[in-house]
Amino acid sequence: MILAIDPGLRACGVAWFEKGILIKADLVSVKTMESDAKAFLEMANAVGAASPPVTHLAIEYPQQYSRAITPRESVQKLVGVIGALAVTFSDSKTEYYLPRQWKGQVPKAVMHRRVLGRLTEAEQGLIPELPVSKLHNVLDAVGIGLHHVGRLKRKRNRAGTRRKPGR
């Protein structure tokens, strides 16, 4: 079983896949006021408690861009959560994916439509009903998992044909 994770300090999007099929997706949240190291461990323990045994992890690894408005400290905290997750699931093989590896430069809204479009109707029914502010974490986890199992590849037109603008 594969567990795909979109890491966060207070909430992680998680998605479980078995034989390449989405079997569950959720948001695991913690309400902690602990120091960073304790918060990392609390988040990892919450994900571990919510998870059945897994053999593989697929985790988004954050990247700090030179002109990004995201403070470096925020990215460093995500790396702390990822480290705690790696220890919590130390018996599992772990793969890390940079955002550009699984979603490229595609805008978030477009990528989320693509992720949902790759799911069967039954799999779509597994996506929890959450506010958009939280749902994006779950959809990212599902996207990471789909990429890991090879189901997120961009669909191409037949060789030699191009879509004309406006069609």
C-alpha atoms as a PDB file:
ATOM      1  CA  MET A   1       0.000   0.000   0.000  1.00  0.00           C
ATOM      2  CA  ILE A   2       1.180   3.513  -0.844  1.00  0.00           C
ATOM      3  CA  LEU A   3       0.610   6.584   1.298  1.00  0.00           C
ATOM      4  CA  ALA A   4       0.919   9.901  -0.545  1.00  0.00           C
ATOM      5  CA  ILE A   5       1.378  12.985   1.622  1.00  0.00           C
ATOM      6  CA  ASP A   6       1.143  16.716   1.073  1.00  0.00           C
ATOM      7  CA  PRO A   7       2.933  17.775   4.264  1.00  0.00           C
ATOM      8  CA  GLY A   8       1.919  20.611   6.543  1.00  0.00           C
ATOM      9  CA  LEU A   9       2.732  21.718  10.059  1.00  0.00           C
ATOM     10  CA  ARG A  10      -0.908  21.766  11.224  1.00  0.00           C
ATOM     11  CA  ALA A  11      -2.577  19.634   8.508  1.00  0.00           C
ATOM     12  CA  CYS A  12      -1.404  17.023   6.013  1.00  0.00           C
ATOM     13  CA  GLY A  13      -3.298  15.914   2.952  1.00  0.00           C
ATOM     14  CA  VAL A  14      -3.087  12.123   2.764  1.00  0.00           C
ATOM     15  CA  ALA A  15      -4.136   9.594   0.132  1.00  0.00           C
ATOM     16  CA  TRP A  16      -3.811   5.821   0.206  1.00  0.00           C
ATOM     17  CA  PHE A  17      -3.419   3.754  -2.946  1.00  0.00           C
ATOM     18  CA  GLU A  18      -3.555   0.004  -3.316  1.00  0.00           C
ATOM     19  CA  LYS A  19      -2.494  -1.551  -6.616  1.00  0.00           C
ATOM     20  CA  GLY A  20      -2.605   1.929  -8.164  1.00  0.00           C
ATOM     21  CA  ILE A  21      -6.200   2.615  -7.079  1.00  0.00           C
ATOM     22  CA  LEU A  22      -7.171   5.357  -4.618  1.00  0.00           C
ATOM     23  CA  ILE A  23      -8.791   3.701  -1.608  1.00  0.00           C
ATOM     24  CA  LYS A  24      -8.974   6.652   0.813  1.00  0.00           C
ATOM     25  CA  ALA A  25      -8.174  10.360   0.949  1.00  0.00           C
ATOM     26  CA  ASP A  26      -8.340  12.624   3.954  1.00  0.00           C
ATOM     27  CA  LEU A  27      -6.963  15.597   5.839  1.00  0.00           C
ATOM     28  CA  VAL A  28      -5.116  14.842   9.073  1.00  0.00           C
ATOM     29  CA  SER A  29      -5.023  17.855  11.383  1.00  0.00           C
ATOM     30  CA  VAL A  30      -3.487  18.653  14.745  1.00  0.00           C
ATOM     31  CA  LYS A  31      -4.097  21.546  17.083  1.00  0.00           C
ATOM     32  CA  THR A  32      -0.771  22.008  18.759  1.00  0.00           C
ATOM     33  CA  MET A  33       0.880  24.952  20.360  1.00  0.00           C
ATOM     34  CA  GLU A  34       4.086  23.009  20.962  1.00  0.00           C
ATOM     35  CA  SER A  35       7.550  24.053  19.887  1.00  0.00           C
ATOM     36  CA  ASP A  36       8.520  23.190  16.341  1.00  0.00           C
ATOM     37  CA  ALA A  37      10.216  19.847  17.039  1.00  0.00           C
ATOM     38  CA  LYS A  38       7.286  18.630  19.134  1.00  0.00           C
ATOM     39  CA  ALA A  39       4.845  19.888  16.491  1.00  0.00           C
ATOM     40  CA  PHE A  40       6.716  17.920  13.787  1.00  0.00           C
ATOM     41  CA  LEU A  41       6.440  14.753  15.823  1.00  0.00           C
ATOM     42  CA  GLU A  42       2.794  15.369  16.753  1.00  0.00           C
ATOM     43  CA  MET A  43       1.871  15.787  13.064  1.00  0.00           C
ATOM     44  CA  ALA A  44       3.778  12.644  12.066  1.00  0.00           C
ATOM     45  CA  ASN A  45       2.175  10.650  14.898  1.00  0.00           C
ATOM     46  CA  ALA A  46      -1.295  11.821  13.839  1.00  0.00           C
ATOM     47  CA  VAL A  47      -0.667  10.677  10.254  1.00  0.00           C
ATOM     48  CA  GLY A  48       0.727   7.377  11.546  1.00  0.00           C
ATOM     49  CA  ALA A  49      -2.307   6.826  13.772  1.00  0.00           C
ATOM     50  CA  ALA A  50      -4.665   7.463  10.823  1.00  0.00           C
ATOM     51  CA  SER A  51      -2.826   5.087   8.497  1.00  0.00           C
ATOM     52  CA  PRO A  52      -3.045   1.358   7.945  1.00  0.00           C
ATOM     53  CA  PRO A  53       0.324  -0.347   7.352  1.00  0.00           C
ATOM     54  CA  VAL A  54       2.008   0.989   4.209  1.00  0.00           C
ATOM     55  CA  THR A  55       4.980  -0.212   2.181  1.00  0.00           C
ATOM     56  CA  HIS A  56       5.695   3.022   0.286  1.00  0.00           C
ATOM     57  CA  LEU A  57       5.489   6.728   1.015  1.00  0.00           C
ATOM     58  CA  ALA A  58       5.267   9.380  -1.691  1.00  0.00           C
ATOM     59  CA  ILE A  59       5.879  12.807  -0.165  1.00  0.00           C
ATOM     60  CA  GLU A  60       6.034  16.262  -1.701  1.00  0.00           C
ATOM     61  CA  TYR A  61       9.362  17.838  -0.763  1.00  0.00           C
ATOM     62  CA  PRO A  62       9.136  21.634  -0.653  1.00  0.00           C
ATOM     63  CA  GLN A  63      11.443  23.785  -2.682  1.00  0.00           C
ATOM     64  CA  GLN A  64      12.513  27.303  -1.763  1.00  0.00           C
ATOM     65  CA  TYR A  65      12.649  29.534  -4.813  1.00  0.00           C
ATOM     66  CA  SER A  66      14.918  32.576  -4.745  1.00  0.00           C
ATOM     67  CA  ARG A  67      12.110  35.036  -5.479  1.00  0.00           C
ATOM     68  CA  ALA A  68       9.363  33.259  -3.549  1.00  0.00           C
ATOM     69  CA  ILE A  69       7.322  35.219  -1.057  1.00  0.00           C
ATOM     70  CA  THR A  70       7.142  32.158   1.209  1.00  0.00           C
ATOM     71  CA  PRO A  71       9.438  32.674   4.199  1.00  0.00           C
ATOM     72  CA  ARG A  72      12.364  30.264   4.360  1.00  0.00           C
ATOM     73  CA  GLU A  73      11.301  29.393   7.903  1.00  0.00           C
ATOM     74  CA  SER A  74       7.976  27.979   6.611  1.00  0.00           C
ATOM     75  CA  VAL A  75       9.770  25.684   4.167  1.00  0.00           C
ATOM     76  CA  GLN A  76      12.159  24.573   6.900  1.00  0.00           C
ATOM     77  CA  LYS A  77       9.207  23.624   9.120  1.00  0.00           C
ATOM     78  CA  LEU A  78       7.778  21.459   6.330  1.00  0.00           C
ATOM     79  CA  VAL A  79      11.130  19.703   6.054  1.00  0.00           C
ATOM     80  CA  GLY A  80      10.952  19.048   9.810  1.00  0.00           C
ATOM     81  CA  VAL A  81       7.531  17.428   9.377  1.00  0.00           C
ATOM     82  CA  ILE A  82       8.872  15.339   6.489  1.00  0.00           C
ATOM     83  CA  GLY A  83      11.761  14.139   8.659  1.00  0.00           C
ATOM     84  CA  ALA A  84       9.367  13.127  11.423  1.00  0.00           C
ATOM     85  CA  LEU A  85       7.160  11.327   8.867  1.00  0.00           C
ATOM     86  CA  ALA A  86      10.193   9.447   7.512  1.00  0.00           C
ATOM     87  CA  VAL A  87      11.032   8.255  11.023  1.00  0.00           C
ATOM     88  CA  THR A  88       7.413   7.345  11.802  1.00  0.00           C
ATOM     89  CA  PHE A  89       7.200   5.269   8.613  1.00  0.00           C
ATOM     90  CA  SER A  90      10.821   4.067   8.693  1.00  0.00           C
ATOM     91  CA  ASP A  91       9.818   0.556   7.565  1.00  0.00           C
ATOM     92  CA  SER A  92       8.398   1.991   4.310  1.00  0.00           C
ATOM     93  CA  LYS A  93      10.288   2.874   1.158  1.00  0.00           C
ATOM     94  CA  THR A  94      10.085   6.656   0.726  1.00  0.00           C
ATOM     95  CA  GLU A  95      10.076   8.665  -2.501  1.00  0.00           C
ATOM     96  CA  TYR A  96      10.247  12.457  -2.453  1.00  0.00           C
ATOM     97  CA  TYR A  97       8.859  14.615  -5.252  1.00  0.00           C
ATOM     98  CA  LEU A  98       9.540  18.290  -5.800  1.00  0.00           C
ATOM     99  CA  PRO A  99       6.418  20.219  -6.818  1.00  0.00           C
ATOM    100  CA  ARG A 100       7.769  20.690 -10.348  1.00  0.00           C
ATOM    101  CA  GLN A 101       8.272  16.924 -10.689  1.00  0.00           C
ATOM    102  CA  TRP A 102       4.638  16.034 -10.208  1.00  0.00           C
ATOM    103  CA  LYS A 103       2.767  19.162 -11.294  1.00  0.00           C
ATOM    104  CA  GLY A 104       5.229  21.244 -13.274  1.00  0.00           C
ATOM    105  CA  GLN A 105       4.195  24.871 -13.760  1.00  0.00           C
ATOM    106  CA  VAL A 106       0.484  24.084 -13.984  1.00  0.00           C
ATOM    107  CA  PRO A 107      -1.687  26.444 -11.887  1.00  0.00           C
ATOM    108  CA  LYS A 108      -3.234  24.867  -8.797  1.00  0.00           C
ATOM    109  CA  ALA A 109      -6.851  25.086 -10.040  1.00  0.00           C
ATOM    110  CA  VAL A 110      -5.945  23.478 -13.369  1.00  0.00           C
ATOM    111  CA  MET A 111      -3.936  20.750 -11.652  1.00  0.00           C
ATOM    112  CA  HIS A 112      -6.790  19.955  -9.285  1.00  0.00           C
ATOM    113  CA  ARG A 113      -9.190  19.550 -12.235  1.00  0.00           C
ATOM    114  CA  ARG A 114      -6.607  17.274 -13.888  1.00  0.00           C
ATOM    115  CA  VAL A 115      -6.251  15.202 -10.704  1.00  0.00           C
ATOM    116  CA  LEU A 116     -10.022  14.787 -10.404  1.00  0.00           C
ATOM    117  CA  GLY A 117     -10.208  13.935 -14.118  1.00  0.00           C
ATOM    118  CA  ARG A 118      -7.780  11.040 -13.632  1.00  0.00           C
ATOM    119  CA  LEU A 119      -9.947   9.453 -10.948  1.00  0.00           C
ATOM    120  CA  THR A 120     -12.735   6.999 -11.590  1.00  0.00           C
ATOM    121  CA  GLU A 121     -16.210   7.915 -10.392  1.00  0.00           C
ATOM    122  CA  ALA A 122     -15.783   5.588  -7.418  1.00  0.00           C
ATOM    123  CA  GLU A 123     -12.440   7.201  -6.531  1.00  0.00           C
ATOM    124  CA  GLN A 124     -13.937  10.694  -6.829  1.00  0.00           C
ATOM    125  CA  GLY A 125     -16.501   9.672  -4.229  1.00  0.00           C
ATOM    126  CA  LEU A 126     -13.631   9.134  -1.763  1.00  0.00           C
ATOM    127  CA  ILE A 127     -12.608  12.807  -1.811  1.00  0.00           C
ATOM    128  CA  PRO A 128     -13.869  14.351   1.436  1.00  0.00           C
ATOM    129  CA  GLU A 129     -16.124  17.384   1.410  1.00  0.00           C
ATOM    130  CA  LEU A 130     -13.969  20.140   2.864  1.00  0.00           C
ATOM    131  CA  PRO A 131     -13.692  23.896   2.454  1.00  0.00           C
ATOM    132  CA  VAL A 132     -11.474  24.846  -0.504  1.00  0.00           C
ATOM    133  CA  SER A 133      -8.907  26.198   1.980  1.00  0.00           C
ATOM    134  CA  LYS A 134      -8.357  22.629   3.226  1.00  0.00           C
ATOM    135  CA  LEU A 135      -9.392  20.546   0.218  1.00  0.00           C
ATOM    136  CA  HIS A 136      -6.346  21.634  -1.778  1.00  0.00           C
ATOM    137  CA  ASN A 137      -4.103  19.677   0.630  1.00  0.00           C
ATOM    138  CA  VAL A 138      -6.059  16.483  -0.024  1.00  0.00           C
ATOM    139  CA  LEU A 139      -6.110  17.022  -3.807  1.00  0.00           C
ATOM    140  CA  ASP A 140      -2.361  17.616  -3.768  1.00  0.00           C
ATOM    141  CA  ALA A 141      -1.841  14.351  -1.868  1.00  0.00           C
ATOM    142  CA  VAL A 142      -4.016  12.518  -4.399  1.00  0.00           C
ATOM    143  CA  GLY A 143      -2.036  14.148  -7.231  1.00  0.00           C
ATOM    144  CA  ILE A 144       1.270  13.097  -5.691  1.00  0.00           C
ATOM    145  CA  GLY A 145      -0.059   9.550  -5.370  1.00  0.00           C
ATOM    146  CA  LEU A 146      -1.337   9.515  -8.953  1.00  0.00           C
ATOM    147  CA  HIS A 147       2.058  10.729 -10.135  1.00  0.00           C
ATOM    148  CA  HIS A 148       3.786   8.041  -8.068  1.00  0.00           C
ATOM    149  CA  VAL A 149       1.683   5.260  -9.609  1.00  0.00           C
ATOM    150  CA  GLY A 150       1.987   6.713 -13.140  1.00  0.00           C
ATOM    151  CA  ARG A 151      -1.601   7.895 -13.583  1.00  0.00           C
ATOM    152  CA  LEU A 152      -1.014  11.645 -13.742  1.00  0.00           C
ATOM    153  CA  LYS A 153       0.900  11.814 -16.998  1.00  0.00           C
ATOM    154  CA  ARG A 154      -0.359  14.528 -19.277  1.00  0.00           C
ATOM    155  CA  LYS A 155      -2.638  13.215 -21.974  1.00  0.00           C
ATOM    156  CA  ARG A 156      -1.390  14.121 -25.410  1.00  0.00           C
ATOM    157  CA  ASN A 157      -3.160  14.468 -28.738  1.00  0.00           C
ATOM    158  CA  ARG A 158      -2.407  11.935 -31.417  1.00  0.00           C
ATOM    159  CA  ALA A 159       1.079  12.238 -32.874  1.00  0.00           C
ATOM    160  CA  GLY A 160       1.360  14.980 -35.463  1.00  0.00           C
ATOM    161  CA  THR A 161      -1.817  16.798 -34.495  1.00  0.00           C
ATOM    162  CA  ARG A 162      -2.162  19.973 -32.521  1.00  0.00           C
ATOM    163  CA  ARG A 163      -5.227  21.580 -31.082  1.00  0.00           C
ATOM    164  CA  LYS A 164      -6.003  24.841 -32.765  1.00  0.00           C
ATOM    165  CA  PRO A 165      -6.529  27.874 -30.522  1.00  0.00           C
ATOM    166  CA  GLY A 166     -10.174  28.452 -29.699  1.00  0.00           C
ATOM    167  CA  ARG A 167     -11.231  24.861 -30.298  1.00  0.00           C
END
